[in-house]
Amino acid sequence: MEENKLPRYRSKKTYPINYTSRDFESIKKDLVEHVKRYYPENFKDFSENSFGSLVLDTVAYVGDIMSFYLDYSVNESFLSTAIEYDNIVKLGRQMGYKYRSNASATGVLSFYLLVPATSDGSEPNRLFLPRLKRGSKFSNNNGSTYILEEDVDFANPANEFSAASVNPTTGNPADYVCKAFGVVSSGEIVTTTHNVGAFQRFLRIDIEDPNVTDVIEVLDANGHKYYEVNHLSQNIVFTGIANKGADQYKTPLIMKPLPVPRRYTVEQNRTTTSLQFGYVSESNLANELISDPANVVLETHGKSYVTDRSFDPTKLIETDKLGVVPSNTTLTIKYRRNTDVTANSSVETVNNITFADFLFSNINSLDPTTVQTVETSLECTNETPIVGNIQAPSSEELKHRAYGSFTSQNRAVTLQDYAALIYNMPPMFGAVKRVNVLRDADSNKRNLNIYCLSEDEAG
């Protein structure tokens, strides 16, 4: 008899289950039919007040919740159907969109400076024409603070000069007023410190301030500077050095590549701003942190042929070393913050000078009293409103921005892409008025010819 006994797995009953039932009513209906069919002797009372109905309602209730949770989770996994703002930010970040929770209002300030004239009164004494340094601060009566983004050189020939006072004896101008312009942005500079312990791979530091606009500077206790990059594999940034040539007034800075073994990326959401570091210890800093372009461009290891004929120029500034992580030090983080209340200003309201940082070319040879008179004569105003869209983008707007960022991919593919990248060059490195990109018909290498047209004060 033992040999004729069916295996245990074949003695089990197989019940058909309808997996298309997802809501409360359909699940309960299937459960009632299931109980009536397979357990007719155990449950007979299916009235609304019976215990059996309570059990079936509970199971159907849980099933309805789980179905809704599954649908909601699946919808939140796709950018087109996501609803929660934070999930849209995360999905957009996966597509290459860099979310910024706050923005600065920008505008132009007019600066007026009183400088003495030369001995014959024919022109202002250029020895007393200083440079107003970047980082100078200005404000209005409502408490809005604005920071100068670029140096303002009062010795620039493009500035406006007019006689301010006349020598009563000679009738020649005794003082001149110099009018210059500078770009400012709203916000206040905040400095915070963060103690870093032992070495930790992929260290992440959060700034608990919902109004952060951008991170300006990160320094450790030894004075080492960390640079912000788009991604940790990027080990080259472009910085500006002062242009000492004859065209310094048209191009104040020259763009130079700078290797940055100490780097970080910035990730923002609605409440915090995070600094993400790499995984290399400072003890390994002597190792090769910058890859040889010959090994980066063509990946031909172990092969005698090349399969990838396309070339992404961003590979030249990439590396598999993800940067140095600070350890056993104190990081000083300087960032800009903005609020909705203290951003915009109407016309001629930014008239207060909070902090002015002057630089004279040869201050040791100048009269200190005259220098002080020149510095205290500085005045400013905004001839146009300082406005900016400082509100965070809506969910729908955020989706469209992410789609646009994904399609562009920060590459130059078409002729129009090259022109757009040239126009996006920061103005501190020079201004391009018109640019045209044409394919060289005489080149057998399909070269591109770029024609740039610039404009100075003479047109």
Protein backbone atom coordinates (compact mmCIF):
# COMPACT_ATOMS: atom_id res chain seq x y z
CA MET A 1 0.00 0.00 0.00
CA GLU A 2 2.88 2.33 0.65
CA GLU A 3 4.03 1.85 -2.94
CA ASN A 4 0.57 2.78 -4.32
CA LYS A 5 0.44 6.00 -2.25
CA LEU A 6 0.61 9.16 -4.36
CA PRO A 7 3.53 11.53 -3.81
CA ARG A 8 2.86 14.28 -1.33
CA TYR A 9 3.14 17.10 -3.86
CA ARG A 10 0.46 15.42 -6.04
CA SER A 11 -1.98 15.09 -3.16
CA LYS A 12 -2.20 18.89 -2.75
CA LYS A 13 -5.15 20.74 -4.19
CA THR A 14 -4.53 23.26 -6.96
CA TYR A 15 -6.82 26.28 -6.77
CA PRO A 16 -7.31 28.63 -9.71
CA ILE A 17 -6.49 32.23 -8.79
CA ASN A 18 -7.68 35.28 -10.74
CA TYR A 19 -4.68 37.63 -10.77
CA THR A 20 -6.58 40.35 -12.62
CA SER A 21 -8.62 41.25 -9.53
CA ARG A 22 -7.04 44.36 -8.05
CA ASP A 23 -9.69 46.49 -6.31
CA PHE A 24 -11.66 45.81 -3.14
CA GLU A 25 -14.91 44.69 -4.76
CA SER A 26 -13.37 42.29 -7.28
CA ILE A 27 -11.02 40.75 -4.70
CA LYS A 28 -13.86 40.16 -2.22
CA LYS A 29 -16.07 38.68 -4.94
CA ASP A 30 -13.36 36.19 -5.91
CA LEU A 31 -12.78 35.28 -2.25
CA VAL A 32 -16.48 34.59 -1.65
CA GLU A 33 -16.68 32.35 -4.71
CA HIS A 34 -13.49 30.60 -3.64
CA VAL A 35 -14.81 29.86 -0.14
CA LYS A 36 -18.20 28.69 -1.39
CA ARG A 37 -16.60 26.34 -3.88
CA TYR A 38 -13.81 24.78 -1.83
CA TYR A 39 -14.94 25.22 1.80
CA PRO A 40 -18.71 24.74 1.75
CA GLU A 41 -18.77 22.86 5.07
CA ASN A 42 -16.64 25.38 7.04
CA PHE A 43 -18.16 28.73 6.04
CA LYS A 44 -21.85 29.08 5.32
CA ASP A 45 -22.76 32.50 6.69
CA PHE A 46 -21.69 35.32 4.37
CA SER A 47 -23.93 38.07 5.67
CA GLU A 48 -22.40 41.52 6.29
CA ASN A 49 -22.37 41.07 10.09
CA SER A 50 -20.80 37.62 10.14
CA PHE A 51 -17.24 36.80 11.16
CA GLY A 52 -16.55 35.25 7.76
CA SER A 53 -17.46 38.50 6.05
CA LEU A 54 -15.06 40.35 8.38
CA VAL A 55 -12.20 38.06 7.38
CA LEU A 56 -12.93 38.42 3.67
CA ASP A 57 -13.25 42.22 3.97
CA THR A 58 -9.90 42.40 5.74
CA VAL A 59 -8.13 40.36 3.07
CA ALA A 60 -9.75 42.37 0.26
CA TYR A 61 -8.82 45.62 2.04
CA VAL A 62 -5.15 44.60 2.27
CA GLY A 63 -5.15 43.44 -1.36
CA ASP A 64 -6.59 46.75 -2.55
CA ILE A 65 -3.92 48.70 -0.66
CA MET A 66 -1.11 46.53 -2.04
CA SER A 67 -2.43 46.95 -5.59
CA PHE A 68 -2.53 50.72 -5.20
CA TYR A 69 0.97 50.76 -3.68
CA LEU A 70 2.32 48.67 -6.56
CA ASP A 71 0.75 50.94 -9.18
CA TYR A 72 1.97 54.05 -7.42
CA SER A 73 5.53 52.71 -7.06
CA VAL A 74 5.70 51.76 -10.73
CA ASN A 75 4.43 55.19 -11.81
CA GLU A 76 7.00 56.92 -9.60
CA SER A 77 9.76 54.98 -11.39
CA PHE A 78 9.22 56.80 -14.70
CA LEU A 79 9.73 60.49 -15.30
CA SER A 80 6.61 60.89 -17.44
CA THR A 81 4.26 59.50 -14.76
CA ALA A 82 6.03 60.52 -11.53
CA ILE A 83 4.12 62.86 -9.20
CA GLU A 84 6.31 63.36 -6.13
CA TYR A 85 8.70 66.28 -6.58
CA ASP A 86 11.68 64.58 -4.96
CA ASN A 87 11.30 61.54 -7.21
CA ILE A 88 11.20 63.80 -10.28
CA VAL A 89 14.45 65.40 -9.12
CA LYS A 90 16.11 61.99 -8.72
CA LEU A 91 14.90 60.74 -12.10
CA GLY A 92 16.04 63.97 -13.74
CA ARG A 93 19.47 63.58 -12.15
CA GLN A 94 19.73 60.13 -13.75
CA MET A 95 19.12 61.78 -17.12
CA GLY A 96 21.92 64.30 -16.57
CA TYR A 97 19.86 67.24 -15.31
CA LYS A 98 21.50 69.21 -12.52
CA TYR A 99 18.79 70.45 -10.20
CA ARG A 100 19.19 73.79 -8.45
CA SER A 101 16.66 74.54 -5.74
CA ASN A 102 17.46 78.26 -5.56
CA ALA A 103 18.67 80.86 -8.02
CA SER A 104 20.10 84.35 -7.74
CA ALA A 105 18.67 87.53 -9.18
CA THR A 106 21.25 89.24 -11.39
CA GLY A 107 21.63 92.75 -12.69
CA VAL A 108 24.05 95.55 -13.53
CA LEU A 109 25.19 98.27 -11.15
CA SER A 110 26.54 101.64 -12.21
CA PHE A 111 29.57 102.78 -10.21
CA TYR A 112 30.73 106.38 -9.86
CA LEU A 113 34.21 107.25 -8.61
CA LEU A 114 35.75 110.69 -8.07
CA VAL A 115 39.44 110.83 -9.09
CA PRO A 116 41.86 113.77 -9.24
CA ALA A 117 42.96 115.19 -12.56
CA THR A 118 46.51 115.43 -13.86
CA SER A 119 48.50 118.60 -13.30
CA ASP A 120 47.30 120.18 -16.54
CA GLY A 121 43.72 118.93 -16.02
CA SER A 122 43.55 117.30 -19.44
CA GLU A 123 42.60 113.86 -18.15
CA PRO A 124 42.12 111.94 -14.89
CA ASN A 125 45.23 110.79 -13.08
CA ARG A 126 45.23 107.11 -14.00
CA LEU A 127 47.42 106.22 -11.03
CA PHE A 128 44.33 106.80 -8.87
CA LEU A 129 42.03 104.65 -11.01
CA PRO A 130 41.72 101.42 -8.99
CA ARG A 131 40.17 98.06 -9.63
CA LEU A 132 37.04 97.19 -7.64
CA LYS A 133 37.54 93.56 -6.73
CA ARG A 134 35.12 90.74 -7.19
CA GLY A 135 33.24 89.96 -3.98
CA SER A 136 32.47 93.55 -3.03
CA LYS A 137 29.03 93.85 -1.45
CA PHE A 138 26.19 96.30 -1.96
CA SER A 139 22.66 96.50 -0.58
CA ASN A 140 19.35 98.34 -0.64
CA ASN A 141 17.29 99.70 2.24
CA ASN A 142 15.22 96.50 2.46
CA GLY A 143 18.22 94.37 3.41
CA SER A 144 18.84 92.76 0.02
CA THR A 145 22.54 92.07 -0.52
CA TYR A 146 24.28 91.93 -3.89
CA ILE A 147 27.76 90.65 -4.63
CA LEU A 148 30.02 91.80 -7.46
CA GLU A 149 30.70 88.88 -9.81
CA GLU A 150 33.62 90.34 -11.80
CA ASP A 151 36.32 92.92 -11.21
CA VAL A 152 35.48 96.45 -12.32
CA ASP A 153 38.51 98.26 -13.72
CA PHE A 154 38.04 102.03 -13.55
CA ALA A 155 41.08 102.46 -15.82
CA ASN A 156 39.23 100.84 -18.71
CA PRO A 157 39.17 103.30 -21.63
CA ALA A 158 35.59 102.25 -22.35
CA ASN A 159 34.42 103.91 -19.11
CA GLU A 160 32.72 107.29 -19.15
CA PHE A 161 34.71 110.25 -17.79
CA SER A 162 33.33 113.72 -17.12
CA ALA A 163 34.65 116.76 -15.27
CA ALA A 164 33.36 117.01 -11.70
CA SER A 165 35.01 120.22 -10.48
CA VAL A 166 37.05 123.05 -12.00
CA ASN A 167 40.16 124.77 -10.68
CA PRO A 168 39.05 128.40 -10.13
CA THR A 169 42.52 129.70 -10.92
CA THR A 170 43.30 127.88 -14.17
CA GLY A 171 39.79 126.95 -15.24
CA ASN A 172 40.92 123.40 -15.93
CA PRO A 173 39.16 120.35 -14.47
CA ALA A 174 40.41 119.50 -10.98
CA ASP A 175 38.50 116.22 -10.56
CA TYR A 176 36.86 113.74 -12.86
CA VAL A 177 33.96 111.36 -12.31
CA CYS A 178 34.45 107.88 -13.72
CA LYS A 179 31.37 105.80 -14.50
CA ALA A 180 31.78 102.05 -14.82
CA PHE A 181 29.47 99.04 -14.82
CA GLY A 182 29.60 95.71 -13.03
CA VAL A 183 27.45 92.58 -12.87
CA VAL A 184 26.06 91.68 -9.44
CA SER A 185 23.97 88.80 -8.14
CA SER A 186 21.77 88.57 -5.10
CA GLY A 187 22.59 86.58 -2.01
CA GLU A 188 24.69 86.54 1.08
CA ILE A 189 27.89 84.62 1.70
CA VAL A 190 27.76 82.12 4.56
CA THR A 191 30.74 80.21 5.93
CA THR A 192 30.36 76.93 7.79
CA THR A 193 32.81 74.31 9.05
CA HIS A 194 32.60 70.54 9.08
CA ASN A 195 34.90 68.23 11.04
CA VAL A 196 36.01 65.19 9.04
CA GLY A 197 37.25 62.09 10.83
CA ALA A 198 39.15 59.08 9.53
CA PHE A 199 39.34 58.22 5.86
CA GLN A 200 35.99 57.21 4.42
CA ARG A 201 35.34 56.30 0.82
CA PHE A 202 32.76 58.40 -0.98
CA LEU A 203 32.39 60.83 1.88
CA ARG A 204 29.16 62.82 1.74
CA ILE A 205 28.62 66.10 3.58
CA ASP A 206 25.19 67.72 3.89
CA ILE A 207 24.59 71.45 4.27
CA GLU A 208 21.37 71.80 6.24
CA ASP A 209 20.24 75.05 4.63
CA PRO A 210 17.24 75.07 2.26
CA ASN A 211 18.26 78.40 0.68
CA VAL A 212 21.67 77.43 -0.77
CA THR A 213 22.23 78.86 -4.25
CA ASP A 214 25.73 77.61 -5.00
CA VAL A 215 28.89 76.44 -3.24
CA ILE A 216 31.67 78.98 -3.71
CA GLU A 217 34.71 77.49 -2.02
CA VAL A 218 35.80 74.43 -0.03
CA LEU A 219 39.10 74.48 1.88
CA ASP A 220 40.64 72.06 4.35
CA ALA A 221 42.74 72.93 7.41
CA ASN A 222 45.97 72.83 5.37
CA GLY A 223 44.68 75.32 2.80
CA HIS A 224 44.04 72.74 0.08
CA LYS A 225 41.23 73.81 -2.21
CA TYR A 226 38.58 71.42 -3.50
CA TYR A 227 36.95 72.14 -6.85
CA GLU A 228 33.41 71.47 -7.99
CA VAL A 229 33.09 69.24 -11.07
CA ASN A 230 30.14 67.84 -12.98
CA HIS A 231 31.09 64.26 -12.13
CA LEU A 232 33.85 62.71 -10.05
CA SER A 233 35.62 61.16 -13.04
CA GLN A 234 36.31 64.66 -14.39
CA ASN A 235 39.79 65.71 -13.29
CA ILE A 236 40.20 68.92 -15.31
CA VAL A 237 38.47 72.25 -14.78
CA PHE A 238 38.96 75.49 -16.66
CA THR A 239 39.96 78.51 -14.62
CA GLY A 240 40.80 82.08 -15.50
CA ILE A 241 44.11 83.85 -14.99
CA ALA A 242 44.61 87.60 -15.28
CA ASN A 243 45.34 88.84 -18.77
CA LYS A 244 48.26 91.28 -18.75
CA GLY A 245 48.25 91.87 -22.49
CA ALA A 246 47.11 94.88 -24.46
CA ASP A 247 43.60 93.42 -24.78
CA GLN A 248 43.12 93.03 -21.02
CA TYR A 249 40.12 95.38 -21.00
CA LYS A 250 38.31 93.33 -23.63
CA THR A 251 39.42 89.95 -22.25
CA PRO A 252 40.22 90.31 -18.55
CA LEU A 253 40.88 86.59 -18.05
CA ILE A 254 42.52 83.83 -20.05
CA MET A 255 41.08 80.32 -19.89
CA LYS A 256 43.52 77.66 -18.68
CA PRO A 257 42.99 73.97 -17.87
CA LEU A 258 43.71 73.02 -14.28
CA PRO A 259 44.16 69.44 -12.96
CA VAL A 260 42.07 68.97 -9.81
CA PRO A 261 42.85 65.82 -7.80
CA ARG A 262 40.75 67.29 -4.95
CA ARG A 263 37.22 67.62 -6.24
CA TYR A 264 33.59 67.10 -5.38
CA THR A 265 30.14 67.17 -6.92
CA VAL A 266 27.11 69.05 -5.63
CA GLU A 267 23.66 67.50 -5.36
CA GLN A 268 20.69 69.58 -4.30
CA ASN A 269 17.16 68.87 -3.25
CA ARG A 270 14.52 71.09 -1.71
CA THR A 271 15.92 71.03 1.82
CA THR A 272 19.63 70.16 1.73
CA THR A 273 22.72 70.53 -0.41
CA SER A 274 25.18 67.62 -0.44
CA LEU A 275 28.88 67.54 -1.30
CA GLN A 276 29.97 64.17 -2.71
CA PHE A 277 33.69 63.29 -2.64
CA GLY A 278 35.57 60.38 -4.27
CA TYR A 279 37.41 57.45 -2.76
CA VAL A 280 41.18 58.08 -3.03
CA SER A 281 43.12 58.65 0.18
CA GLU A 282 45.60 61.52 0.46
CA SER A 283 48.31 58.95 1.12
CA ASN A 284 47.85 57.74 -2.47
CA LEU A 285 48.05 61.23 -3.92
CA ALA A 286 51.51 60.53 -5.32
CA ASN A 287 50.04 57.86 -7.60
CA GLU A 288 48.84 58.68 -11.08
CA LEU A 289 45.59 60.58 -10.65
CA ILE A 290 45.46 61.90 -14.21
CA SER A 291 45.19 59.38 -16.98
CA ASP A 292 47.26 59.52 -20.13
CA PRO A 293 45.01 60.69 -22.99
CA ALA A 294 46.57 58.03 -25.23
CA ASN A 295 45.13 55.36 -22.94
CA VAL A 296 41.80 57.12 -22.52
CA VAL A 297 40.84 57.88 -26.10
CA LEU A 298 41.44 54.48 -27.70
CA GLU A 299 40.64 51.43 -25.62
CA THR A 300 42.69 48.88 -27.55
CA HIS A 301 44.06 46.81 -24.70
CA GLY A 302 44.67 43.25 -25.90
CA LYS A 303 43.26 43.96 -29.37
CA SER A 304 44.92 44.59 -32.70
CA TYR A 305 41.90 46.39 -34.14
CA VAL A 306 39.62 49.31 -33.26
CA THR A 307 35.84 48.90 -33.13
CA ASP A 308 34.79 52.27 -31.72
CA ARG A 309 35.11 54.90 -34.44
CA SER A 310 33.24 57.61 -32.53
CA PHE A 311 35.02 59.95 -30.15
CA ASP A 312 33.62 61.78 -27.15
CA PRO A 313 35.91 64.76 -26.39
CA THR A 314 34.90 64.72 -22.73
CA LYS A 315 36.98 61.55 -22.33
CA LEU A 316 40.09 63.71 -22.46
CA ILE A 317 39.25 65.19 -19.06
CA GLU A 318 38.01 61.97 -17.47
CA THR A 319 39.77 59.38 -15.34
CA ASP A 320 38.91 56.29 -13.36
CA LYS A 321 40.39 57.92 -10.26
CA LEU A 322 37.48 59.65 -8.55
CA GLY A 323 39.38 62.24 -6.55
CA VAL A 324 40.88 62.66 -3.09
CA VAL A 325 38.70 62.35 0.00
CA PRO A 326 39.46 64.74 2.90
CA SER A 327 40.29 62.99 6.15
CA ASN A 328 41.28 64.03 9.69
CA THR A 329 40.76 67.70 8.94
CA THR A 330 38.25 70.52 9.14
CA LEU A 331 36.55 71.68 5.97
CA THR A 332 35.59 75.32 5.61
CA ILE A 333 32.65 75.60 3.22
CA LYS A 334 31.67 78.96 1.80
CA TYR A 335 28.35 79.16 -0.02
CA ARG A 336 25.79 81.67 -1.23
CA ARG A 337 22.23 81.65 0.05
CA ASN A 338 19.10 83.39 -1.19
CA THR A 339 15.56 83.83 0.06
CA ASP A 340 12.44 84.80 -1.82
CA VAL A 341 12.14 88.00 0.21
CA THR A 342 15.65 89.37 -0.33
CA ALA A 343 16.34 88.88 -4.03
CA ASN A 344 14.82 91.43 -6.40
CA SER A 345 15.23 95.22 -6.38
CA SER A 346 13.49 97.97 -8.31
CA VAL A 347 15.24 100.75 -10.21
CA GLU A 348 17.68 102.99 -8.28
CA THR A 349 17.27 101.22 -4.95
CA VAL A 350 20.69 99.54 -4.59
CA ASN A 351 22.60 102.57 -3.31
CA ASN A 352 24.38 101.30 -0.19
CA ILE A 353 28.01 100.17 -0.20
CA THR A 354 28.47 97.41 2.36
CA PHE A 355 32.02 96.39 1.50
CA ALA A 356 34.29 97.75 -1.24
CA ASP A 357 37.57 96.00 -1.98
CA PHE A 358 39.89 98.27 -3.99
CA LEU A 359 43.19 97.40 -5.62
CA PHE A 360 45.56 100.15 -6.80
CA SER A 361 48.35 99.31 -9.24
CA ASN A 362 51.08 101.00 -7.15
CA ILE A 363 49.56 102.13 -3.90
CA ASN A 364 52.90 102.61 -2.11
CA SER A 365 53.79 105.54 -4.36
CA LEU A 366 50.43 107.30 -3.92
CA ASP A 367 49.33 109.84 -1.36
CA PRO A 368 47.35 107.95 1.35
CA THR A 369 44.97 110.86 1.90
CA THR A 370 44.09 111.07 -1.78
CA VAL A 371 43.67 107.29 -1.93
CA GLN A 372 41.25 107.39 0.98
CA THR A 373 39.33 110.24 -0.65
CA VAL A 374 38.99 108.24 -3.85
CA GLU A 375 37.81 105.13 -1.99
CA THR A 376 35.20 106.98 0.06
CA SER A 377 33.82 108.72 -3.04
CA LEU A 378 32.45 105.49 -4.51
CA GLU A 379 28.72 105.53 -5.23
CA CYS A 380 26.49 102.99 -6.91
CA THR A 381 22.98 102.57 -8.24
CA ASN A 382 21.02 100.24 -10.48
CA GLU A 383 19.64 101.91 -13.57
CA THR A 384 17.61 98.81 -14.42
CA PRO A 385 15.69 96.44 -12.11
CA ILE A 386 17.53 93.52 -10.57
CA VAL A 387 15.19 90.62 -11.07
CA GLY A 388 15.38 86.89 -11.40
CA ASN A 389 13.15 83.85 -11.34
CA ILE A 390 14.02 82.65 -7.87
CA GLN A 391 11.05 80.30 -7.50
CA ALA A 392 11.74 76.59 -7.76
CA PRO A 393 10.46 75.06 -11.02
CA SER A 394 7.18 73.19 -10.96
CA SER A 395 6.99 69.44 -11.41
CA GLU A 396 5.95 69.71 -15.05
CA GLU A 397 8.64 72.29 -15.81
CA LEU A 398 11.22 70.10 -14.11
CA LYS A 399 10.31 67.18 -16.37
CA HIS A 400 10.78 69.24 -19.53
CA ARG A 401 14.14 70.51 -18.29
CA ALA A 402 15.27 66.95 -17.65
CA TYR A 403 14.19 65.88 -21.15
CA GLY A 404 16.12 68.77 -22.67
CA SER A 405 19.23 67.98 -20.65
CA PHE A 406 19.10 64.34 -21.70
CA THR A 407 18.85 65.12 -25.42
CA SER A 408 21.66 67.68 -25.40
CA GLN A 409 24.15 65.51 -23.43
CA ASN A 410 26.58 68.47 -23.36
CA ARG A 411 28.15 67.39 -26.65
CA ALA A 412 28.84 69.07 -29.96
CA VAL A 413 27.35 66.93 -32.72
CA THR A 414 25.86 69.32 -35.25
CA LEU A 415 27.20 72.63 -36.54
CA GLN A 416 24.61 74.42 -34.43
CA ASP A 417 25.91 72.64 -31.31
CA TYR A 418 29.38 74.08 -31.85
CA ALA A 419 27.96 77.57 -32.27
CA ALA A 420 25.83 77.22 -29.13
CA LEU A 421 28.83 76.12 -27.04
CA ILE A 422 30.86 79.10 -28.25
CA TYR A 423 28.06 81.51 -27.38
CA ASN A 424 27.87 79.95 -23.90
CA MET A 425 31.47 80.86 -23.11
CA PRO A 426 31.64 82.98 -19.93
CA PRO A 427 32.03 86.67 -20.80
CA MET A 428 35.09 86.99 -18.56
CA PHE A 429 37.05 85.09 -21.23
CA GLY A 430 35.94 87.42 -24.01
CA ALA A 431 32.74 88.15 -25.89
CA VAL A 432 31.75 86.65 -29.23
CA LYS A 433 29.19 88.75 -31.09
CA ARG A 434 28.67 86.46 -34.05
CA VAL A 435 29.93 82.98 -34.87
CA ASN A 436 29.49 80.73 -37.86
CA VAL A 437 30.61 77.13 -38.25
CA LEU A 438 31.11 75.74 -41.75
CA ARG A 439 32.41 72.46 -43.05
CA ASP A 440 35.68 72.80 -44.95
CA ALA A 441 34.95 71.63 -48.49
CA ASP A 442 38.66 71.45 -49.36
CA SER A 443 39.60 69.18 -46.46
CA ASN A 444 39.68 65.43 -46.85
CA LYS A 445 39.41 65.06 -43.08
CA ARG A 446 36.00 66.76 -42.84
CA ASN A 447 37.42 69.66 -40.83
CA LEU A 448 35.20 72.40 -39.46
CA ASN A 449 36.05 76.08 -39.88
CA ILE A 450 34.87 78.39 -37.09
CA TYR A 451 34.56 82.10 -37.88
CA CYS A 452 34.18 84.45 -34.91
CA LEU A 453 33.30 88.14 -34.97
CA SER A 454 33.94 90.29 -31.90
CA GLU A 455 33.06 93.88 -31.13
CA ASP A 456 34.87 96.49 -29.05
CA GLU A 457 33.92 99.99 -27.93
CA ALA A 458 34.64 101.32 -31.43
CA GLY A 459 32.27 98.84 -33.02
